[in-house]
N, C-alpha and C. Protein backbone atom coordinates (compact mmCIF):
# COMPACT_ATOMS: atom_id res chain seq x y z
N MET A 1 148.66 208.17 265.16
CA MET A 1 149.57 207.77 266.22
C MET A 1 150.88 207.27 265.63
N ALA A 2 150.80 206.49 264.53
CA ALA A 2 152.01 205.97 263.92
C ALA A 2 152.91 207.08 263.45
N GLU A 3 152.28 208.16 262.87
CA GLU A 3 153.08 209.27 262.39
C GLU A 3 153.72 210.02 263.55
N GLU A 4 152.97 210.15 264.66
CA GLU A 4 153.50 210.84 265.83
C GLU A 4 154.71 210.10 266.40
N LEU A 5 154.71 208.77 266.29
CA LEU A 5 155.81 207.99 266.83
C LEU A 5 156.92 207.79 265.81
N GLY A 6 156.71 208.34 264.61
CA GLY A 6 157.72 208.21 263.57
C GLY A 6 157.78 206.83 262.96
N ILE A 7 156.67 206.08 263.05
CA ILE A 7 156.63 204.74 262.49
C ILE A 7 156.13 204.81 261.06
N VAL A 8 156.86 204.17 260.16
CA VAL A 8 156.45 204.14 258.76
C VAL A 8 155.50 202.97 258.55
N ALA A 9 154.31 203.27 258.02
CA ALA A 9 153.33 202.21 257.75
C ALA A 9 153.82 201.35 256.60
N VAL A 10 153.76 200.07 256.76
CA VAL A 10 154.19 199.14 255.73
C VAL A 10 152.98 198.39 255.21
N ARG A 11 152.78 198.42 253.89
CA ARG A 11 151.67 197.70 253.30
C ARG A 11 152.02 196.22 253.24
N PRO A 12 151.08 195.35 253.58
CA PRO A 12 151.36 193.91 253.46
C PRO A 12 151.50 193.52 252.00
N ASP A 13 152.39 192.60 251.74
CA ASP A 13 152.47 192.04 250.40
C ASP A 13 152.52 190.52 250.53
N TYR A 14 151.98 189.85 249.53
CA TYR A 14 151.81 188.41 249.60
C TYR A 14 152.36 187.76 248.34
N SER A 15 152.93 186.57 248.52
CA SER A 15 153.18 185.71 247.38
C SER A 15 151.83 185.11 246.98
N LEU A 16 151.81 184.44 245.83
CA LEU A 16 150.55 183.81 245.41
C LEU A 16 150.07 182.81 246.45
N ALA A 17 150.99 182.01 246.98
CA ALA A 17 150.60 181.00 247.97
C ALA A 17 150.07 181.66 249.24
N GLN A 18 150.76 182.69 249.72
CA GLN A 18 150.31 183.39 250.92
C GLN A 18 148.96 184.03 250.72
N PHE A 19 148.76 184.62 249.55
CA PHE A 19 147.49 185.29 249.26
C PHE A 19 146.37 184.27 249.18
N ALA A 20 146.65 183.14 248.54
CA ALA A 20 145.63 182.10 248.43
C ALA A 20 145.26 181.56 249.80
N LYS A 21 146.25 181.33 250.64
CA LYS A 21 145.99 180.80 251.97
C LYS A 21 145.21 181.79 252.82
N THR A 22 145.58 183.08 252.74
CA THR A 22 145.00 184.09 253.62
C THR A 22 143.68 184.65 253.13
N HIS A 23 143.53 184.81 251.79
CA HIS A 23 142.38 185.54 251.27
C HIS A 23 141.46 184.73 250.36
N LEU A 24 141.92 183.59 249.87
CA LEU A 24 141.11 182.85 248.89
C LEU A 24 140.53 181.55 249.44
N ALA A 25 141.34 180.79 250.15
CA ALA A 25 140.89 179.49 250.65
C ALA A 25 139.85 179.66 251.75
N GLN A 26 138.95 178.72 251.80
CA GLN A 26 137.89 178.73 252.83
C GLN A 26 138.01 177.47 253.68
N GLY A 27 137.79 177.65 254.98
CA GLY A 27 137.85 176.51 255.88
C GLY A 27 139.21 175.83 255.84
N CYS A 28 139.21 174.54 255.60
CA CYS A 28 140.45 173.75 255.57
C CYS A 28 140.93 173.51 254.14
N GLU A 29 140.45 174.30 253.18
CA GLU A 29 140.79 174.07 251.78
C GLU A 29 142.28 174.14 251.52
N TRP A 30 142.96 175.12 252.14
CA TRP A 30 144.38 175.29 251.85
C TRP A 30 145.19 174.09 252.35
N GLU A 31 144.86 173.59 253.54
CA GLU A 31 145.54 172.41 254.06
C GLU A 31 145.30 171.22 253.14
N GLU A 32 144.07 171.09 252.65
CA GLU A 32 143.76 170.00 251.73
C GLU A 32 144.52 170.17 250.42
N PHE A 33 144.59 171.41 249.93
CA PHE A 33 145.30 171.69 248.68
C PHE A 33 146.78 171.35 248.82
N LEU A 34 147.36 171.69 249.97
CA LEU A 34 148.76 171.35 250.22
C LEU A 34 148.96 169.83 250.20
N ARG A 35 148.02 169.12 250.80
CA ARG A 35 148.16 167.67 250.93
C ARG A 35 148.10 166.96 249.58
N ILE A 36 147.28 167.47 248.65
CA ILE A 36 147.08 166.76 247.39
C ILE A 36 147.73 167.47 246.20
N GLN A 37 148.50 168.54 246.47
CA GLN A 37 149.03 169.31 245.34
C GLN A 37 150.03 168.52 244.49
N SER A 38 150.62 167.45 245.05
CA SER A 38 151.57 166.66 244.28
C SER A 38 150.92 165.42 243.65
N ALA A 39 149.59 165.34 243.70
CA ALA A 39 148.91 164.20 243.09
C ALA A 39 149.23 164.13 241.60
N SER A 40 149.57 162.97 241.13
CA SER A 40 150.00 162.79 239.73
C SER A 40 148.82 162.85 238.77
N PRO A 41 149.01 163.52 237.65
CA PRO A 41 147.94 163.53 236.63
C PRO A 41 147.83 162.16 235.99
N PRO A 42 146.73 161.87 235.35
CA PRO A 42 146.57 160.56 234.68
C PRO A 42 147.60 160.39 233.57
N GLN A 43 148.07 159.19 233.42
CA GLN A 43 149.09 158.89 232.42
C GLN A 43 148.47 158.31 231.16
N THR A 44 149.19 158.50 230.07
CA THR A 44 148.78 157.90 228.81
C THR A 44 149.32 156.47 228.76
N LEU A 45 148.44 155.52 228.59
CA LEU A 45 148.81 154.10 228.54
C LEU A 45 148.66 153.58 227.12
N HIS A 46 149.18 152.38 226.90
CA HIS A 46 149.16 151.81 225.55
C HIS A 46 148.70 150.35 225.64
N ARG A 47 148.02 149.93 224.62
CA ARG A 47 147.67 148.52 224.51
C ARG A 47 147.49 148.17 223.03
N TRP A 48 147.65 146.90 222.79
CA TRP A 48 147.49 146.42 221.42
C TRP A 48 146.06 145.94 221.21
N GLU A 49 145.47 146.41 220.14
CA GLU A 49 144.14 145.97 219.77
C GLU A 49 144.14 145.62 218.28
N ARG A 50 143.91 144.32 218.00
CA ARG A 50 143.84 143.85 216.62
C ARG A 50 145.10 144.23 215.84
N GLY A 51 146.21 144.10 216.52
CA GLY A 51 147.48 144.34 215.85
C GLY A 51 147.89 145.80 215.79
N GLU A 52 147.10 146.70 216.38
CA GLU A 52 147.44 148.13 216.37
C GLU A 52 147.66 148.62 217.80
N LEU A 53 148.63 149.53 217.94
CA LEU A 53 148.93 150.10 219.25
C LEU A 53 147.96 151.25 219.51
N VAL A 54 147.17 151.12 220.57
CA VAL A 54 146.15 152.12 220.92
C VAL A 54 146.61 152.89 222.16
N HIS A 55 146.49 154.20 222.11
CA HIS A 55 146.84 155.06 223.24
C HIS A 55 145.56 155.49 223.95
N TYR A 56 145.57 155.44 225.27
CA TYR A 56 144.40 155.88 226.03
C TYR A 56 144.85 156.46 227.37
N LEU A 57 144.00 157.30 227.92
CA LEU A 57 144.31 157.98 229.17
C LEU A 57 143.68 157.23 230.33
N GLU A 58 144.50 156.93 231.31
CA GLU A 58 143.98 156.23 232.47
C GLU A 58 143.04 157.14 233.26
N PRO A 59 142.12 156.60 234.03
CA PRO A 59 141.22 157.43 234.85
C PRO A 59 142.02 158.26 235.86
N ALA A 60 141.58 159.50 236.07
CA ALA A 60 142.24 160.35 237.05
C ALA A 60 141.94 159.85 238.46
N SER A 61 142.93 159.99 239.33
CA SER A 61 142.72 159.61 240.73
C SER A 61 141.79 160.61 241.41
N ALA A 62 141.20 160.20 242.50
CA ALA A 62 140.29 161.09 243.25
C ALA A 62 141.05 162.31 243.76
N GLU A 63 142.30 162.13 244.20
CA GLU A 63 143.08 163.25 244.71
C GLU A 63 143.41 164.24 243.61
N TYR A 64 143.76 163.73 242.42
CA TYR A 64 144.09 164.64 241.32
C TYR A 64 142.85 165.40 240.88
N SER A 65 141.72 164.73 240.80
CA SER A 65 140.47 165.40 240.41
C SER A 65 140.12 166.50 241.41
N ARG A 66 140.27 166.19 242.70
CA ARG A 66 139.98 167.18 243.73
C ARG A 66 140.94 168.35 243.65
N ARG A 67 142.22 168.06 243.37
CA ARG A 67 143.21 169.13 243.23
C ARG A 67 142.83 170.08 242.11
N CYS A 68 142.37 169.53 240.99
CA CYS A 68 141.97 170.36 239.85
C CYS A 68 140.78 171.25 240.21
N VAL A 69 139.81 170.68 240.94
CA VAL A 69 138.64 171.46 241.35
C VAL A 69 139.04 172.59 242.28
N LEU A 70 139.88 172.29 243.28
CA LEU A 70 140.31 173.32 244.21
C LEU A 70 141.10 174.41 243.50
N HIS A 71 141.97 174.01 242.58
CA HIS A 71 142.77 175.00 241.85
C HIS A 71 141.87 175.93 241.04
N GLU A 72 140.89 175.38 240.37
CA GLU A 72 139.97 176.20 239.58
C GLU A 72 139.19 177.18 240.47
N GLU A 73 138.78 176.71 241.65
CA GLU A 73 138.04 177.58 242.56
C GLU A 73 138.94 178.70 243.09
N LEU A 74 140.19 178.40 243.42
CA LEU A 74 141.11 179.42 243.90
C LEU A 74 141.41 180.45 242.81
N VAL A 75 141.58 179.98 241.59
CA VAL A 75 141.83 180.89 240.47
C VAL A 75 140.63 181.81 240.25
N GLU A 76 139.43 181.25 240.31
CA GLU A 76 138.22 182.05 240.13
C GLU A 76 138.10 183.12 241.22
N ARG A 77 138.39 182.75 242.46
CA ARG A 77 138.35 183.73 243.56
C ARG A 77 139.47 184.76 243.42
N PHE A 78 140.61 184.33 242.92
CA PHE A 78 141.72 185.27 242.68
C PHE A 78 141.32 186.30 241.63
N HIS A 79 140.68 185.87 240.57
CA HIS A 79 140.21 186.79 239.55
C HIS A 79 139.20 187.78 240.13
N SER A 80 138.29 187.28 240.96
CA SER A 80 137.29 188.15 241.58
C SER A 80 137.97 189.18 242.48
N ALA A 81 139.00 188.77 243.21
CA ALA A 81 139.73 189.70 244.07
C ALA A 81 140.38 190.81 243.25
N LEU A 82 140.93 190.46 242.10
CA LEU A 82 141.56 191.48 241.27
C LEU A 82 140.53 192.41 240.66
N ARG A 83 139.38 191.86 240.27
CA ARG A 83 138.33 192.71 239.68
C ARG A 83 137.75 193.68 240.71
N SER A 84 137.92 193.38 241.99
CA SER A 84 137.38 194.25 243.03
C SER A 84 138.07 195.60 243.08
N GLY A 85 139.25 195.70 242.49
CA GLY A 85 139.99 196.95 242.54
C GLY A 85 140.75 197.17 243.83
N LEU A 86 140.79 196.18 244.70
CA LEU A 86 141.45 196.33 246.00
C LEU A 86 142.90 195.87 245.98
N TRP A 87 143.32 195.17 244.91
CA TRP A 87 144.64 194.57 244.88
C TRP A 87 145.35 194.86 243.57
N ILE A 88 146.67 194.90 243.64
CA ILE A 88 147.48 195.03 242.43
C ILE A 88 148.50 193.89 242.41
N VAL A 89 148.97 193.56 241.22
CA VAL A 89 149.94 192.49 241.04
C VAL A 89 151.25 193.08 240.55
N LYS A 90 152.33 192.66 241.18
CA LYS A 90 153.67 193.00 240.71
C LYS A 90 154.43 191.71 240.49
N ALA A 91 155.28 191.70 239.47
CA ALA A 91 156.03 190.49 239.16
C ALA A 91 157.19 190.84 238.25
N ILE A 92 158.06 189.87 238.05
CA ILE A 92 159.19 190.02 237.13
C ILE A 92 158.81 189.35 235.82
N SER A 93 158.88 190.09 234.74
CA SER A 93 158.55 189.54 233.43
C SER A 93 159.80 188.99 232.76
N SER A 94 159.61 188.24 231.70
CA SER A 94 160.73 187.63 230.99
C SER A 94 161.71 188.69 230.49
N GLY A 95 162.99 188.46 230.73
CA GLY A 95 164.01 189.39 230.28
C GLY A 95 164.28 190.53 231.22
N ASN A 96 163.56 190.61 232.34
CA ASN A 96 163.76 191.70 233.30
C ASN A 96 164.22 191.13 234.64
N SER A 97 164.76 192.01 235.47
CA SER A 97 165.25 191.57 236.78
C SER A 97 164.55 192.27 237.93
N ASP A 98 163.68 193.24 237.63
CA ASP A 98 162.98 193.97 238.68
C ASP A 98 161.47 193.75 238.54
N ARG A 99 160.79 193.77 239.68
CA ARG A 99 159.33 193.67 239.66
C ARG A 99 158.73 194.95 239.11
N ALA A 100 157.62 194.78 238.41
CA ALA A 100 156.85 195.91 237.90
C ALA A 100 155.38 195.53 237.97
N SER A 101 154.52 196.54 237.95
CA SER A 101 153.09 196.29 237.99
C SER A 101 152.64 195.53 236.74
N VAL A 102 151.75 194.59 236.94
CA VAL A 102 151.21 193.81 235.83
C VAL A 102 149.76 194.21 235.63
N ALA A 103 149.40 194.52 234.39
CA ALA A 103 148.02 194.90 234.09
C ALA A 103 147.06 193.79 234.48
N THR A 104 145.95 194.17 235.09
CA THR A 104 144.97 193.18 235.54
C THR A 104 144.49 192.31 234.39
N ASP A 105 144.32 192.90 233.21
CA ASP A 105 143.85 192.13 232.05
C ASP A 105 144.81 190.99 231.70
N LEU A 106 146.11 191.24 231.86
CA LEU A 106 147.09 190.20 231.56
C LEU A 106 146.98 189.04 232.54
N VAL A 107 146.71 189.38 233.80
CA VAL A 107 146.54 188.33 234.81
C VAL A 107 145.26 187.54 234.54
N LEU A 108 144.19 188.24 234.22
CA LEU A 108 142.90 187.58 234.02
C LEU A 108 142.89 186.68 232.79
N THR A 109 143.76 186.95 231.82
CA THR A 109 143.79 186.14 230.61
C THR A 109 144.93 185.12 230.62
N ALA A 110 145.71 185.10 231.69
CA ALA A 110 146.82 184.14 231.78
C ALA A 110 146.26 182.72 231.79
N THR A 111 146.89 181.84 231.03
CA THR A 111 146.40 180.46 230.94
C THR A 111 146.94 179.60 232.06
N GLU A 112 147.94 180.07 232.79
CA GLU A 112 148.52 179.27 233.87
C GLU A 112 148.79 180.13 235.10
N ILE A 113 148.25 179.71 236.22
CA ILE A 113 148.52 180.33 237.51
C ILE A 113 148.99 179.23 238.45
N ASP A 114 150.23 179.33 238.89
CA ASP A 114 150.81 178.31 239.76
C ASP A 114 151.06 178.93 241.13
N PHE A 115 150.21 178.59 242.09
CA PHE A 115 150.31 179.19 243.41
C PHE A 115 151.59 178.79 244.13
N PHE A 116 152.09 177.59 243.87
CA PHE A 116 153.24 177.10 244.62
C PHE A 116 154.58 177.57 244.05
N SER A 117 154.66 177.73 242.74
CA SER A 117 155.90 178.26 242.15
C SER A 117 155.86 179.77 242.02
N ASN A 118 154.73 180.38 242.42
CA ASN A 118 154.60 181.83 242.43
C ASN A 118 154.75 182.42 241.03
N ARG A 119 154.03 181.82 240.08
CA ARG A 119 154.11 182.26 238.69
C ARG A 119 152.71 182.47 238.12
N ILE A 120 152.60 183.47 237.25
CA ILE A 120 151.39 183.70 236.47
C ILE A 120 151.82 183.81 235.02
N GLY A 121 151.53 182.79 234.22
CA GLY A 121 152.01 182.80 232.85
C GLY A 121 153.52 182.90 232.82
N SER A 122 154.04 183.91 232.12
CA SER A 122 155.49 184.11 232.04
C SER A 122 156.02 185.01 233.15
N PHE A 123 155.14 185.46 234.04
CA PHE A 123 155.56 186.32 235.14
C PHE A 123 155.96 185.47 236.34
N ARG A 124 157.07 185.84 236.99
CA ARG A 124 157.56 185.07 238.13
C ARG A 124 157.74 185.96 239.35
N LEU A 125 157.97 185.33 240.49
CA LEU A 125 158.13 186.04 241.76
C LEU A 125 157.00 187.06 241.96
N VAL A 126 155.79 186.57 241.86
CA VAL A 126 154.61 187.42 241.91
C VAL A 126 154.39 187.95 243.33
N GLN A 127 153.98 189.20 243.42
CA GLN A 127 153.56 189.82 244.68
C GLN A 127 152.15 190.36 244.52
N ILE A 128 151.33 190.19 245.54
CA ILE A 128 149.99 190.78 245.57
C ILE A 128 150.00 191.83 246.67
N LEU A 129 149.65 193.06 246.31
CA LEU A 129 149.67 194.16 247.28
C LEU A 129 148.33 194.87 247.28
N PRO A 130 147.91 195.39 248.45
CA PRO A 130 146.68 196.19 248.48
C PRO A 130 146.86 197.47 247.69
N LEU A 131 145.81 197.85 246.99
CA LEU A 131 145.86 199.08 246.19
C LEU A 131 146.09 200.27 247.10
N PRO A 132 147.15 201.05 246.87
CA PRO A 132 147.42 202.20 247.75
C PRO A 132 146.37 203.29 247.61
N GLY A 133 146.29 204.13 248.63
CA GLY A 133 145.30 205.20 248.65
C GLY A 133 145.41 206.13 247.46
N GLU A 134 146.63 206.39 246.99
CA GLU A 134 146.81 207.29 245.85
C GLU A 134 146.12 206.73 244.61
N ASP A 135 146.23 205.42 244.41
CA ASP A 135 145.58 204.81 243.25
C ASP A 135 144.06 204.85 243.39
N ARG A 136 143.56 204.68 244.62
CA ARG A 136 142.11 204.76 244.82
C ARG A 136 141.62 206.18 244.53
N TYR A 137 142.41 207.16 244.96
CA TYR A 137 142.05 208.55 244.69
C TYR A 137 141.97 208.78 243.19
N LEU A 138 142.96 208.32 242.43
CA LEU A 138 142.97 208.53 240.98
C LEU A 138 141.80 207.80 240.31
N THR A 139 141.50 206.58 240.79
CA THR A 139 140.36 205.84 240.25
C THR A 139 139.06 206.59 240.52
N LEU A 140 138.92 207.11 241.73
CA LEU A 140 137.71 207.84 242.10
C LEU A 140 137.59 209.13 241.32
N LYS A 141 138.70 209.84 241.15
CA LYS A 141 138.70 211.09 240.37
C LYS A 141 138.30 210.81 238.92
N TRP A 142 138.85 209.75 238.34
CA TRP A 142 138.50 209.37 236.97
C TRP A 142 137.01 209.04 236.89
N PHE A 143 136.48 208.29 237.87
CA PHE A 143 135.08 207.90 237.87
C PHE A 143 134.18 209.14 237.91
N ILE A 144 134.50 210.09 238.77
CA ILE A 144 133.70 211.32 238.89
C ILE A 144 133.70 212.07 237.56
N GLU A 145 134.86 212.16 236.92
CA GLU A 145 134.95 212.88 235.65
C GLU A 145 134.13 212.19 234.56
N GLN A 146 134.15 210.86 234.55
CA GLN A 146 133.39 210.12 233.54
C GLN A 146 131.89 210.31 233.73
N VAL A 147 131.43 210.21 234.99
CA VAL A 147 130.00 210.37 235.27
C VAL A 147 129.55 211.78 234.94
N CYS A 148 130.28 212.76 235.39
CA CYS A 148 129.89 214.16 235.17
C CYS A 148 129.96 214.55 233.70
N ALA A 149 130.74 213.82 232.92
CA ALA A 149 130.84 214.14 231.50
C ALA A 149 129.62 213.66 230.72
N VAL A 150 128.94 212.62 231.24
CA VAL A 150 127.80 212.06 230.49
C VAL A 150 126.45 212.37 231.13
N VAL A 151 126.46 212.77 232.41
CA VAL A 151 125.20 213.10 233.09
C VAL A 151 125.13 214.62 233.23
N PRO A 152 124.20 215.27 232.53
CA PRO A 152 124.14 216.73 232.62
C PRO A 152 123.78 217.19 234.02
N PRO A 153 124.45 218.22 234.51
CA PRO A 153 124.12 218.72 235.85
C PRO A 153 122.73 219.32 235.87
N LYS A 154 121.92 218.83 236.74
CA LYS A 154 120.57 219.37 236.87
C LYS A 154 120.09 219.09 238.28
N ARG A 155 118.97 219.67 238.62
CA ARG A 155 118.45 219.52 239.96
C ARG A 155 118.24 218.03 240.28
N GLY A 156 118.74 217.62 241.42
CA GLY A 156 118.58 216.24 241.84
C GLY A 156 119.73 215.33 241.43
N VAL A 157 120.64 215.80 240.59
CA VAL A 157 121.81 215.02 240.19
C VAL A 157 123.05 215.83 240.49
N GLY A 158 123.80 215.41 241.45
CA GLY A 158 124.98 216.17 241.84
C GLY A 158 125.94 215.34 242.66
N ARG A 159 126.62 216.00 243.55
CA ARG A 159 127.68 215.37 244.33
C ARG A 159 127.18 214.14 245.10
N LYS A 160 126.03 214.28 245.76
CA LYS A 160 125.50 213.19 246.56
C LYS A 160 125.19 211.98 245.69
N GLU A 161 124.57 212.23 244.53
CA GLU A 161 124.19 211.12 243.65
C GLU A 161 125.42 210.44 243.04
N VAL A 162 126.43 211.25 242.71
CA VAL A 162 127.66 210.67 242.16
C VAL A 162 128.35 209.80 243.22
N LEU A 163 128.34 210.27 244.46
CA LEU A 163 128.91 209.49 245.56
C LEU A 163 128.17 208.16 245.72
N GLU A 164 126.85 208.21 245.70
CA GLU A 164 126.07 206.98 245.85
C GLU A 164 126.34 206.01 244.70
N LEU A 165 126.50 206.56 243.49
CA LEU A 165 126.80 205.72 242.34
C LEU A 165 128.18 205.08 242.49
N ALA A 166 129.14 205.87 242.96
CA ALA A 166 130.49 205.34 243.17
C ALA A 166 130.49 204.23 244.21
N GLU A 167 129.72 204.41 245.26
CA GLU A 167 129.66 203.39 246.31
C GLU A 167 129.05 202.09 245.80
N ARG A 168 128.16 202.20 244.81
CA ARG A 168 127.54 201.00 244.24
C ARG A 168 128.45 200.30 243.24
N LEU A 169 129.19 201.08 242.45
CA LEU A 169 129.91 200.52 241.32
C LEU A 169 131.40 200.26 241.59
N LEU A 170 132.02 201.08 242.42
CA LEU A 170 133.44 200.87 242.72
C LEU A 170 133.55 199.94 243.91
N GLN A 171 134.25 198.86 243.73
CA GLN A 171 134.25 197.81 244.74
C GLN A 171 135.38 197.98 245.75
N PHE A 172 135.53 199.18 246.26
CA PHE A 172 136.41 199.40 247.40
C PHE A 172 135.78 200.47 248.28
N GLU A 173 136.19 200.48 249.53
CA GLU A 173 135.61 201.43 250.49
C GLU A 173 135.96 202.86 250.08
N ILE A 174 134.96 203.72 250.03
CA ILE A 174 135.16 205.12 249.64
C ILE A 174 135.06 205.98 250.89
N ARG A 175 136.20 206.40 251.38
CA ARG A 175 136.20 207.25 252.55
C ARG A 175 135.71 208.65 252.18
N ASP A 176 135.09 209.31 253.13
CA ASP A 176 134.53 210.64 252.88
C ASP A 176 135.62 211.64 252.48
N ASP A 177 136.77 211.58 253.18
CA ASP A 177 137.83 212.53 252.87
C ASP A 177 138.41 212.28 251.48
N LEU A 178 138.47 211.01 251.07
CA LEU A 178 139.00 210.69 249.75
C LEU A 178 138.05 211.18 248.66
N PHE A 179 136.74 211.01 248.88
CA PHE A 179 135.78 211.46 247.88
C PHE A 179 135.79 212.98 247.77
N LYS A 180 135.86 213.65 248.91
CA LYS A 180 135.88 215.12 248.88
C LYS A 180 137.08 215.63 248.11
N ALA A 181 138.25 215.02 248.31
CA ALA A 181 139.45 215.44 247.59
C ALA A 181 139.33 215.17 246.10
N ALA A 182 138.83 213.99 245.75
CA ALA A 182 138.68 213.64 244.34
C ALA A 182 137.63 214.53 243.67
N TRP A 183 136.54 214.82 244.38
CA TRP A 183 135.49 215.68 243.83
C TRP A 183 136.03 217.09 243.58
N ALA A 184 136.79 217.59 244.52
CA ALA A 184 137.32 218.96 244.39
C ALA A 184 138.30 219.06 243.24
N ASP A 185 139.06 218.00 242.98
CA ASP A 185 140.11 218.06 241.96
C ASP A 185 139.65 217.59 240.59
N ALA A 186 138.50 216.93 240.52
CA ALA A 186 138.04 216.38 239.25
C ALA A 186 137.62 217.50 238.29
N ASN A 187 137.87 217.27 237.01
CA ASN A 187 137.44 218.20 235.98
C ASN A 187 135.98 217.93 235.65
N LYS A 188 135.12 218.87 236.05
CA LYS A 188 133.67 218.68 235.90
C LYS A 188 133.08 219.86 235.13
N PRO A 189 131.97 219.64 234.45
CA PRO A 189 131.26 220.76 233.82
C PRO A 189 130.89 221.81 234.87
N GLU A 190 130.63 223.02 234.41
CA GLU A 190 130.41 224.15 235.32
C GLU A 190 129.27 223.90 236.30
N GLY A 191 128.26 223.15 235.90
CA GLY A 191 127.12 222.92 236.78
C GLY A 191 127.43 222.07 237.99
N PHE A 192 128.54 221.34 237.92
CA PHE A 192 128.95 220.53 239.07
C PHE A 192 130.00 221.30 239.85
N GLY A 193 129.57 222.34 240.55
CA GLY A 193 130.52 223.16 241.28
C GLY A 193 131.02 222.47 242.52
N ARG A 194 132.04 223.06 243.12
CA ARG A 194 132.53 222.55 244.39
C ARG A 194 131.45 222.68 245.45
N PRO A 195 131.38 221.74 246.39
CA PRO A 195 130.34 221.82 247.41
C PRO A 195 130.44 223.09 248.23
N GLY A 196 129.32 223.73 248.41
CA GLY A 196 129.29 224.95 249.21
C GLY A 196 127.95 225.08 249.87
N PRO A 197 127.65 226.21 250.51
CA PRO A 197 126.39 226.36 251.23
C PRO A 197 125.17 226.12 250.36
N SER A 198 125.22 226.53 249.09
CA SER A 198 124.04 226.39 248.25
C SER A 198 124.14 225.23 247.28
N THR A 199 125.31 224.57 247.23
CA THR A 199 125.49 223.47 246.27
C THR A 199 126.05 222.25 246.99
N GLN A 200 125.64 222.01 248.21
CA GLN A 200 126.21 220.94 249.00
C GLN A 200 126.03 219.59 248.34
N PHE A 201 124.90 219.40 247.67
CA PHE A 201 124.64 218.11 247.03
C PHE A 201 124.55 218.29 245.53
N ARG A 202 125.25 219.27 245.00
CA ARG A 202 125.23 219.51 243.57
C ARG A 202 126.57 219.15 242.95
């Protein structure tokens, strides 16, 4: 219908804060995180003991401790979302002025994720976007080629079984039309022919 009306579909994109609020936080967690996000970390204090200056860390406040726990939980859920294969990250890296795709491994190994300043490590102005259909097609095509390269074609192992394996291992919805296109275009050994009357599940 959108195409018939000449409407261009726009993929949603999120800042880190928007993504955390919409897809990561549960219940009232985001409101709580907003309320305590400015809680001060414990300070280093000093005192004299037996003529020597001793440095020690004051106990963390309850709000700061809770903020740390919530942040760790949001980061863990963010990592899980990226591992699902449903999302991609774009950001501006140091020395550049345009956003570019950031490898998932770089995001997963980043030591700092700041939801409020929209930064991941040295990457700034982060955007989270749903993985487009073209990328899902390429991922599915690659998966089919990998499976067919290591599993010899034989009776009982074919198109249907590869589809079932993809549905178990690839963590995004596999539409029938997308799988058919990827299966037809994938480079497979001769025994994995295109589906037909006699090889429908081969």
